[in-house]
Amino acid sequence: MRCPYCGSLDDKVIESRTMANGETIRRRRECNACSYRFTSYERVEEKPFLVVKRNGKRQPFDRTKLSKGIERALEKRSVGSAAIDNLVSEIEDAAIMSSKTTREISTESLGELVLKRLYRLDKVAYIRFASAYKHFETLEEFLTEIKNAEEKNNG
C-alpha cells in the first residue's frame, strides 16, 4: 500500500478490524519509511451476475423483474406473498449456482428454472408463464403445452 504522505510502498499493518457484518476489513497501517499512520479498507469485489438475452446483449440480473413476472403468472391464485418471495429466492440461488464460473445465465436457462419451480407450485401459473415465455402464437401450441404439463403430472 502506497503511503499517502511520502509515497513509499513499505508499510506494516498495526491493527485489523472487521466492519459491516464482515463485508469490510479496516486496517491501520504505519509507513516504515516515515512512520506516518493511515487507514485502508478492504472488501471483496464481486462481479455482477448477468443475464444473456436472446439477442446476445447482457444485462444485470434484476430480482424485481423476475418477481414481477412470477407475480403476474400467479395473479388471482391462492399463493401467498411469502411463498412468492421464497420461490424467487430459490430461483435466484439456483441461477447463481448453475453459473458460478461465468456469473452469467441465458434467458432460456432462467426461464426453464422458473417453469420448473412454477410447475411444482401451481399448474395454472405454469401455463400462464409458459405462454408468455415461449411466445405461443397459435392455439395448438398452447394446447400442446397443456398436454405436456398433464403428461409430466401423470408420468
N, C-alpha and C. Protein backbone atom coordinates (compact mmCIF):
# COMPACT_ATOMS: atom_id res chain seq x y z
N MET A 1 0.85 -1.17 0.00
CA MET A 1 0.00 0.00 0.00
C MET A 1 0.90 1.23 0.00
N ARG A 2 0.62 2.16 -0.89
CA ARG A 2 1.43 3.37 -1.01
C ARG A 2 1.10 4.34 0.12
N CYS A 3 2.12 4.84 0.81
CA CYS A 3 1.95 5.82 1.89
C CYS A 3 1.43 7.13 1.29
N PRO A 4 0.32 7.65 1.80
CA PRO A 4 -0.20 8.91 1.26
C PRO A 4 0.67 10.12 1.60
N TYR A 5 1.62 9.97 2.56
CA TYR A 5 2.46 11.09 2.97
C TYR A 5 3.76 11.16 2.17
N CYS A 6 4.49 10.01 2.09
CA CYS A 6 5.80 10.02 1.42
C CYS A 6 5.85 9.20 0.13
N GLY A 7 4.82 8.38 -0.12
CA GLY A 7 4.76 7.59 -1.35
C GLY A 7 5.47 6.25 -1.28
N SER A 8 6.06 5.92 -0.16
CA SER A 8 6.76 4.64 -0.02
C SER A 8 5.76 3.48 -0.08
N LEU A 9 6.22 2.34 -0.60
CA LEU A 9 5.38 1.14 -0.67
C LEU A 9 5.66 0.19 0.49
N ASP A 10 6.52 0.59 1.41
CA ASP A 10 6.92 -0.25 2.54
C ASP A 10 6.12 0.15 3.78
N ASP A 11 5.16 -0.69 4.18
CA ASP A 11 4.37 -0.39 5.37
C ASP A 11 4.09 -1.66 6.14
N LYS A 12 3.53 -1.50 7.33
CA LYS A 12 3.12 -2.66 8.12
C LYS A 12 1.72 -2.41 8.66
N VAL A 13 0.99 -3.51 8.86
CA VAL A 13 -0.36 -3.42 9.41
C VAL A 13 -0.24 -3.44 10.93
N ILE A 14 -0.82 -2.43 11.57
CA ILE A 14 -0.78 -2.32 13.02
C ILE A 14 -2.00 -2.99 13.64
N GLU A 15 -3.15 -2.79 12.99
CA GLU A 15 -4.40 -3.31 13.53
C GLU A 15 -5.36 -3.60 12.39
N SER A 16 -6.12 -4.70 12.51
CA SER A 16 -7.17 -5.03 11.54
C SER A 16 -8.48 -5.19 12.29
N ARG A 17 -9.54 -4.69 11.71
CA ARG A 17 -10.85 -4.79 12.34
C ARG A 17 -11.91 -5.08 11.28
N THR A 18 -12.76 -6.05 11.56
CA THR A 18 -13.85 -6.39 10.65
C THR A 18 -14.99 -5.40 10.86
N MET A 19 -15.56 -4.94 9.74
CA MET A 19 -16.66 -3.97 9.81
C MET A 19 -17.78 -4.41 8.88
N ALA A 20 -18.94 -3.80 9.02
CA ALA A 20 -20.09 -4.01 8.13
C ALA A 20 -20.44 -5.48 7.99
N ASN A 21 -20.64 -6.14 9.12
CA ASN A 21 -21.03 -7.55 9.14
C ASN A 21 -20.06 -8.45 8.38
N GLY A 22 -18.80 -8.14 8.47
CA GLY A 22 -17.79 -8.98 7.84
C GLY A 22 -17.55 -8.68 6.37
N GLU A 23 -18.20 -7.66 5.83
CA GLU A 23 -18.04 -7.33 4.41
C GLU A 23 -16.84 -6.43 4.14
N THR A 24 -16.31 -5.80 5.19
CA THR A 24 -15.19 -4.88 5.03
C THR A 24 -14.18 -5.11 6.15
N ILE A 25 -12.91 -4.95 5.82
CA ILE A 25 -11.86 -5.01 6.83
C ILE A 25 -11.17 -3.65 6.84
N ARG A 26 -11.11 -3.06 8.02
CA ARG A 26 -10.42 -1.78 8.21
C ARG A 26 -9.03 -2.08 8.75
N ARG A 27 -8.01 -1.54 8.10
CA ARG A 27 -6.63 -1.80 8.54
C ARG A 27 -5.93 -0.47 8.86
N ARG A 28 -5.35 -0.40 10.05
CA ARG A 28 -4.49 0.73 10.41
C ARG A 28 -3.09 0.33 9.99
N ARG A 29 -2.43 1.19 9.26
CA ARG A 29 -1.09 0.90 8.75
C ARG A 29 -0.11 1.97 9.20
N GLU A 30 1.17 1.56 9.20
CA GLU A 30 2.23 2.51 9.50
C GLU A 30 3.32 2.38 8.44
N CYS A 31 3.70 3.50 7.87
CA CYS A 31 4.75 3.52 6.85
C CYS A 31 6.09 3.26 7.54
N ASN A 32 6.83 2.31 7.01
CA ASN A 32 8.15 2.00 7.57
C ASN A 32 9.19 3.06 7.22
N ALA A 33 8.94 3.87 6.20
CA ALA A 33 9.90 4.89 5.79
C ALA A 33 9.76 6.17 6.62
N CYS A 34 8.51 6.63 6.86
CA CYS A 34 8.33 7.93 7.53
C CYS A 34 7.50 7.85 8.81
N SER A 35 7.03 6.66 9.17
CA SER A 35 6.22 6.41 10.37
C SER A 35 4.84 7.05 10.34
N TYR A 36 4.39 7.51 9.18
CA TYR A 36 3.04 8.08 9.06
C TYR A 36 2.02 6.94 9.19
N ARG A 37 0.95 7.20 9.93
CA ARG A 37 -0.10 6.20 10.11
C ARG A 37 -1.31 6.57 9.26
N PHE A 38 -1.87 5.55 8.62
CA PHE A 38 -3.04 5.78 7.77
C PHE A 38 -3.95 4.56 7.80
N THR A 39 -5.17 4.73 7.29
CA THR A 39 -6.17 3.67 7.31
C THR A 39 -6.49 3.24 5.89
N SER A 40 -6.65 1.93 5.71
CA SER A 40 -7.10 1.40 4.42
C SER A 40 -8.30 0.50 4.68
N TYR A 41 -9.11 0.31 3.65
CA TYR A 41 -10.29 -0.55 3.74
C TYR A 41 -10.21 -1.60 2.64
N GLU A 42 -10.61 -2.80 2.99
CA GLU A 42 -10.55 -3.92 2.05
C GLU A 42 -11.92 -4.57 1.99
N ARG A 43 -12.39 -4.79 0.76
CA ARG A 43 -13.66 -5.51 0.59
C ARG A 43 -13.59 -6.34 -0.67
N VAL A 44 -14.40 -7.39 -0.72
CA VAL A 44 -14.44 -8.28 -1.88
C VAL A 44 -15.11 -7.54 -3.03
N GLU A 45 -14.49 -7.63 -4.18
CA GLU A 45 -15.08 -7.04 -5.37
C GLU A 45 -15.83 -8.15 -6.10
N GLU A 46 -17.14 -8.06 -6.06
CA GLU A 46 -17.95 -9.09 -6.70
C GLU A 46 -18.30 -8.68 -8.12
N LYS A 47 -18.20 -9.65 -9.01
CA LYS A 47 -18.64 -9.41 -10.38
C LYS A 47 -20.16 -9.43 -10.39
N PRO A 48 -20.78 -8.59 -11.18
CA PRO A 48 -22.25 -8.63 -11.24
C PRO A 48 -22.72 -9.92 -11.91
N PHE A 49 -23.87 -10.38 -11.51
CA PHE A 49 -24.49 -11.56 -12.11
C PHE A 49 -25.28 -11.07 -13.31
N LEU A 50 -25.00 -11.61 -14.51
CA LEU A 50 -25.60 -11.11 -15.75
C LEU A 50 -26.56 -12.11 -16.38
N VAL A 51 -27.55 -11.57 -17.06
CA VAL A 51 -28.48 -12.37 -17.84
C VAL A 51 -28.17 -12.10 -19.31
N VAL A 52 -27.97 -13.17 -20.08
CA VAL A 52 -27.67 -13.04 -21.51
C VAL A 52 -28.99 -13.17 -22.27
N LYS A 53 -29.39 -12.09 -22.92
CA LYS A 53 -30.65 -12.04 -23.65
C LYS A 53 -30.54 -12.85 -24.95
N ARG A 54 -31.67 -13.10 -25.57
CA ARG A 54 -31.69 -13.88 -26.82
C ARG A 54 -30.87 -13.21 -27.93
N ASN A 55 -30.82 -11.87 -27.91
CA ASN A 55 -30.07 -11.15 -28.94
C ASN A 55 -28.58 -11.03 -28.61
N GLY A 56 -28.15 -11.66 -27.49
CA GLY A 56 -26.74 -11.66 -27.13
C GLY A 56 -26.35 -10.54 -26.16
N LYS A 57 -27.22 -9.58 -25.95
CA LYS A 57 -26.90 -8.49 -25.01
C LYS A 57 -26.92 -9.03 -23.59
N ARG A 58 -26.08 -8.42 -22.76
CA ARG A 58 -26.00 -8.81 -21.36
C ARG A 58 -26.54 -7.67 -20.51
N GLN A 59 -27.29 -8.04 -19.48
CA GLN A 59 -27.77 -7.02 -18.54
C GLN A 59 -27.73 -7.61 -17.14
N PRO A 60 -27.60 -6.75 -16.13
CA PRO A 60 -27.54 -7.25 -14.75
C PRO A 60 -28.82 -8.00 -14.37
N PHE A 61 -28.66 -9.06 -13.60
CA PHE A 61 -29.80 -9.81 -13.10
C PHE A 61 -30.66 -8.86 -12.27
N ASP A 62 -31.97 -8.89 -12.50
CA ASP A 62 -32.90 -8.00 -11.81
C ASP A 62 -33.93 -8.84 -11.07
N ARG A 63 -33.74 -8.97 -9.78
CA ARG A 63 -34.65 -9.77 -8.95
C ARG A 63 -36.08 -9.23 -9.02
N THR A 64 -36.23 -7.92 -9.07
CA THR A 64 -37.55 -7.30 -9.13
C THR A 64 -38.28 -7.69 -10.41
N LYS A 65 -37.56 -7.71 -11.52
CA LYS A 65 -38.16 -8.09 -12.80
C LYS A 65 -38.62 -9.55 -12.76
N LEU A 66 -37.79 -10.41 -12.20
CA LEU A 66 -38.14 -11.83 -12.05
C LEU A 66 -39.38 -11.97 -11.18
N SER A 67 -39.39 -11.26 -10.07
CA SER A 67 -40.50 -11.31 -9.14
C SER A 67 -41.81 -10.85 -9.79
N LYS A 68 -41.74 -9.77 -10.57
CA LYS A 68 -42.95 -9.25 -11.23
C LYS A 68 -43.51 -10.26 -12.23
N GLY A 69 -42.64 -10.93 -12.97
CA GLY A 69 -43.08 -11.94 -13.93
C GLY A 69 -43.77 -13.10 -13.24
N ILE A 70 -43.21 -13.52 -12.12
CA ILE A 70 -43.81 -14.62 -11.36
C ILE A 70 -45.12 -14.18 -10.73
N GLU A 71 -45.16 -12.96 -10.19
CA GLU A 71 -46.39 -12.44 -9.59
C GLU A 71 -47.50 -12.34 -10.64
N ARG A 72 -47.14 -11.94 -11.85
CA ARG A 72 -48.12 -11.85 -12.93
C ARG A 72 -48.72 -13.23 -13.23
N ALA A 73 -47.86 -14.23 -13.27
CA ALA A 73 -48.33 -15.60 -13.53
C ALA A 73 -49.21 -16.12 -12.40
N LEU A 74 -48.93 -15.67 -11.17
CA LEU A 74 -49.67 -16.14 -10.01
C LEU A 74 -50.84 -15.23 -9.62
N GLU A 75 -51.11 -14.24 -10.46
CA GLU A 75 -52.18 -13.29 -10.16
C GLU A 75 -53.52 -14.03 -9.99
N LYS A 76 -54.22 -13.67 -8.91
CA LYS A 76 -55.53 -14.25 -8.57
C LYS A 76 -55.45 -15.76 -8.28
N ARG A 77 -54.29 -16.23 -7.91
CA ARG A 77 -54.11 -17.62 -7.49
C ARG A 77 -53.93 -17.60 -5.97
N SER A 78 -54.19 -18.69 -5.32
CA SER A 78 -54.11 -18.73 -3.85
C SER A 78 -52.69 -19.06 -3.38
N VAL A 79 -51.75 -18.19 -3.74
CA VAL A 79 -50.36 -18.34 -3.34
C VAL A 79 -49.97 -17.06 -2.62
N GLY A 80 -49.52 -17.18 -1.37
CA GLY A 80 -49.18 -16.02 -0.56
C GLY A 80 -47.88 -15.35 -0.99
N SER A 81 -47.70 -14.12 -0.53
CA SER A 81 -46.51 -13.35 -0.90
C SER A 81 -45.24 -13.97 -0.33
N ALA A 82 -45.33 -14.62 0.83
CA ALA A 82 -44.15 -15.28 1.40
C ALA A 82 -43.70 -16.44 0.50
N ALA A 83 -44.67 -17.18 -0.04
CA ALA A 83 -44.34 -18.29 -0.95
C ALA A 83 -43.71 -17.76 -2.23
N ILE A 84 -44.20 -16.61 -2.71
CA ILE A 84 -43.63 -16.00 -3.92
C ILE A 84 -42.20 -15.56 -3.65
N ASP A 85 -41.96 -14.89 -2.51
CA ASP A 85 -40.61 -14.46 -2.15
C ASP A 85 -39.66 -15.65 -2.04
N ASN A 86 -40.13 -16.73 -1.43
CA ASN A 86 -39.30 -17.94 -1.32
C ASN A 86 -39.00 -18.52 -2.69
N LEU A 87 -39.99 -18.53 -3.56
CA LEU A 87 -39.81 -19.05 -4.92
C LEU A 87 -38.77 -18.22 -5.68
N VAL A 88 -38.88 -16.90 -5.59
CA VAL A 88 -37.93 -16.01 -6.28
C VAL A 88 -36.52 -16.24 -5.73
N SER A 89 -36.39 -16.35 -4.42
CA SER A 89 -35.06 -16.60 -3.81
C SER A 89 -34.50 -17.94 -4.26
N GLU A 90 -35.35 -18.95 -4.31
CA GLU A 90 -34.93 -20.29 -4.74
C GLU A 90 -34.43 -20.25 -6.19
N ILE A 91 -35.15 -19.54 -7.05
CA ILE A 91 -34.77 -19.43 -8.47
C ILE A 91 -33.47 -18.64 -8.60
N GLU A 92 -33.36 -17.54 -7.87
CA GLU A 92 -32.14 -16.73 -7.91
C GLU A 92 -30.94 -17.55 -7.46
N ASP A 93 -31.08 -18.27 -6.35
CA ASP A 93 -29.98 -19.10 -5.85
C ASP A 93 -29.60 -20.18 -6.86
N ALA A 94 -30.59 -20.82 -7.45
CA ALA A 94 -30.31 -21.87 -8.45
C ALA A 94 -29.61 -21.29 -9.66
N ALA A 95 -30.03 -20.10 -10.09
CA ALA A 95 -29.41 -19.45 -11.25
C ALA A 95 -27.95 -19.12 -10.97
N ILE A 96 -27.68 -18.58 -9.80
CA ILE A 96 -26.30 -18.22 -9.45
C ILE A 96 -25.44 -19.47 -9.31
N MET A 97 -25.98 -20.52 -8.69
CA MET A 97 -25.23 -21.76 -8.52
C MET A 97 -24.94 -22.44 -9.86
N SER A 98 -25.89 -22.35 -10.79
CA SER A 98 -25.70 -23.03 -12.08
C SER A 98 -24.65 -22.33 -12.95
N SER A 99 -24.34 -21.09 -12.64
CA SER A 99 -23.39 -20.35 -13.47
C SER A 99 -22.30 -19.73 -12.63
N LYS A 100 -21.81 -20.50 -11.66
CA LYS A 100 -20.81 -19.98 -10.72
C LYS A 100 -19.55 -19.45 -11.40
N THR A 101 -19.06 -20.14 -12.40
CA THR A 101 -17.79 -19.74 -13.00
C THR A 101 -17.93 -18.54 -13.94
N THR A 102 -19.02 -18.49 -14.70
CA THR A 102 -19.17 -17.40 -15.67
C THR A 102 -19.93 -16.20 -15.12
N ARG A 103 -20.71 -16.40 -14.05
CA ARG A 103 -21.56 -15.35 -13.48
C ARG A 103 -22.56 -14.84 -14.51
N GLU A 104 -22.96 -15.72 -15.43
CA GLU A 104 -23.94 -15.39 -16.47
C GLU A 104 -24.93 -16.54 -16.61
N ILE A 105 -26.16 -16.18 -16.98
CA ILE A 105 -27.17 -17.19 -17.28
C ILE A 105 -27.99 -16.68 -18.46
N SER A 106 -28.33 -17.59 -19.36
CA SER A 106 -29.14 -17.20 -20.51
C SER A 106 -30.60 -17.03 -20.09
N THR A 107 -31.34 -16.23 -20.82
CA THR A 107 -32.77 -16.07 -20.52
C THR A 107 -33.48 -17.40 -20.66
N GLU A 108 -33.01 -18.26 -21.59
CA GLU A 108 -33.62 -19.57 -21.76
C GLU A 108 -33.46 -20.42 -20.50
N SER A 109 -32.25 -20.46 -19.96
CA SER A 109 -31.99 -21.24 -18.75
C SER A 109 -32.77 -20.69 -17.56
N LEU A 110 -32.80 -19.38 -17.45
CA LEU A 110 -33.54 -18.75 -16.35
C LEU A 110 -35.04 -19.05 -16.48
N GLY A 111 -35.56 -18.97 -17.69
CA GLY A 111 -36.97 -19.28 -17.92
C GLY A 111 -37.30 -20.71 -17.57
N GLU A 112 -36.40 -21.63 -17.90
CA GLU A 112 -36.62 -23.04 -17.57
C GLU A 112 -36.61 -23.27 -16.05
N LEU A 113 -35.74 -22.55 -15.34
CA LEU A 113 -35.73 -22.65 -13.88
C LEU A 113 -37.07 -22.18 -13.31
N VAL A 114 -37.59 -21.09 -13.85
CA VAL A 114 -38.87 -20.56 -13.39
C VAL A 114 -39.98 -21.56 -13.68
N LEU A 115 -40.02 -22.08 -14.90
CA LEU A 115 -41.06 -23.03 -15.28
C LEU A 115 -41.05 -24.26 -14.39
N LYS A 116 -39.88 -24.78 -14.14
CA LYS A 116 -39.74 -25.98 -13.32
C LYS A 116 -40.32 -25.76 -11.92
N ARG A 117 -40.00 -24.61 -11.33
CA ARG A 117 -40.48 -24.32 -9.97
C ARG A 117 -41.96 -23.97 -9.96
N LEU A 118 -42.42 -23.23 -10.97
CA LEU A 118 -43.85 -22.89 -11.04
C LEU A 118 -44.70 -24.13 -11.25
N TYR A 119 -44.20 -25.08 -12.01
CA TYR A 119 -44.94 -26.31 -12.25
C TYR A 119 -45.24 -27.02 -10.93
N ARG A 120 -44.23 -27.05 -10.05
CA ARG A 120 -44.41 -27.70 -8.75
C ARG A 120 -45.37 -26.91 -7.85
N LEU A 121 -45.39 -25.59 -8.01
CA LEU A 121 -46.18 -24.74 -7.13
C LEU A 121 -47.63 -24.60 -7.57
N ASP A 122 -47.83 -24.30 -8.87
CA ASP A 122 -49.19 -24.01 -9.36
C ASP A 122 -49.22 -24.23 -10.87
N LYS A 123 -50.02 -25.21 -11.31
CA LYS A 123 -50.07 -25.58 -12.73
C LYS A 123 -50.63 -24.46 -13.62
N VAL A 124 -51.61 -23.71 -13.11
CA VAL A 124 -52.19 -22.61 -13.90
C VAL A 124 -51.14 -21.52 -14.10
N ALA A 125 -50.40 -21.19 -13.04
CA ALA A 125 -49.34 -20.19 -13.15
C ALA A 125 -48.26 -20.67 -14.12
N TYR A 126 -47.99 -21.97 -14.10
CA TYR A 126 -47.02 -22.55 -15.03
C TYR A 126 -47.44 -22.28 -16.47
N ILE A 127 -48.71 -22.55 -16.79
CA ILE A 127 -49.21 -22.34 -18.16
C ILE A 127 -49.19 -20.85 -18.51
N ARG A 128 -49.58 -20.01 -17.58
CA ARG A 128 -49.54 -18.56 -17.83
C ARG A 128 -48.13 -18.09 -18.16
N PHE A 129 -47.16 -18.52 -17.32
CA PHE A 129 -45.78 -18.10 -17.54
C PHE A 129 -45.25 -18.69 -18.84
N ALA A 130 -45.56 -19.96 -19.10
CA ALA A 130 -45.09 -20.62 -20.33
C ALA A 130 -45.62 -19.91 -21.56
N SER A 131 -46.88 -19.46 -21.51
CA SER A 131 -47.46 -18.80 -22.68
C SER A 131 -46.75 -17.49 -23.00
N ALA A 132 -46.34 -16.76 -21.97
CA ALA A 132 -45.60 -15.52 -22.19
C ALA A 132 -44.15 -15.80 -22.55
N TYR A 133 -43.53 -16.74 -21.84
CA TYR A 133 -42.12 -17.06 -22.02
C TYR A 133 -41.84 -17.71 -23.37
N LYS A 134 -42.71 -18.63 -23.78
CA LYS A 134 -42.48 -19.37 -25.02
C LYS A 134 -43.13 -18.71 -26.24
N HIS A 135 -43.78 -17.59 -26.03
CA HIS A 135 -44.38 -16.81 -27.12
C HIS A 135 -45.31 -17.64 -28.00
N PHE A 136 -46.30 -18.27 -27.37
CA PHE A 136 -47.26 -19.05 -28.14
C PHE A 136 -47.94 -18.15 -29.17
N GLU A 137 -48.04 -18.64 -30.40
CA GLU A 137 -48.70 -17.87 -31.45
C GLU A 137 -49.98 -18.52 -31.93
N THR A 138 -50.15 -19.79 -31.61
CA THR A 138 -51.36 -20.48 -32.05
C THR A 138 -51.98 -21.22 -30.87
N LEU A 139 -53.24 -21.53 -31.01
CA LEU A 139 -53.95 -22.30 -30.00
C LEU A 139 -53.34 -23.69 -29.86
N GLU A 140 -52.85 -24.26 -30.96
CA GLU A 140 -52.25 -25.59 -30.92
C GLU A 140 -51.02 -25.62 -30.02
N GLU A 141 -50.20 -24.57 -30.10
CA GLU A 141 -49.01 -24.50 -29.25
C GLU A 141 -49.41 -24.47 -27.78
N PHE A 142 -50.45 -23.71 -27.49
CA PHE A 142 -50.95 -23.59 -26.12
C PHE A 142 -51.47 -24.94 -25.63
N LEU A 143 -52.26 -25.61 -26.45
CA LEU A 143 -52.83 -26.92 -26.09
C LEU A 143 -51.74 -27.98 -25.94
N THR A 144 -50.73 -27.92 -26.78
CA THR A 144 -49.61 -28.86 -26.68
C THR A 144 -48.89 -28.69 -25.35
N GLU A 145 -48.69 -27.46 -24.93
CA GLU A 145 -48.03 -27.20 -23.65
C GLU A 145 -48.87 -27.73 -22.49
N ILE A 146 -50.18 -27.56 -22.56
CA ILE A 146 -51.07 -28.09 -21.52
C ILE A 146 -50.97 -29.61 -21.49
N LYS A 147 -50.99 -30.23 -22.68
CA LYS A 147 -50.88 -31.69 -22.77
C LYS A 147 -49.55 -32.17 -22.17
N ASN A 148 -48.45 -31.47 -22.50
CA ASN A 148 -47.14 -31.83 -21.96
C ASN A 148 -47.11 -31.69 -20.45
N ALA A 149 -47.77 -30.66 -19.94
CA ALA A 149 -47.84 -30.45 -18.49
C ALA A 149 -48.61 -31.58 -17.83
N GLU A 150 -49.71 -32.00 -18.47
CA GLU A 150 -50.51 -33.11 -17.92
C GLU A 150 -49.70 -34.41 -17.93
N GLU A 151 -48.93 -34.63 -19.00
CA GLU A 151 -48.10 -35.84 -19.09
C GLU A 151 -47.02 -35.84 -18.00
N LYS A 152 -46.43 -34.67 -17.75
CA LYS A 152 -45.43 -34.57 -16.68
C LYS A 152 -46.06 -34.92 -15.34
N ASN A 153 -47.30 -34.44 -15.16
CA ASN A 153 -48.00 -34.65 -13.90
C ASN A 153 -48.37 -36.12 -13.70
N ASN A 154 -48.76 -36.78 -14.79
CA ASN A 154 -49.17 -38.18 -14.70
C ASN A 154 -48.00 -39.15 -14.81
N GLY A 155 -46.90 -38.69 -15.39
CA GLY A 155 -45.79 -39.60 -15.66
C GLY A 155 -44.69 -39.52 -14.72
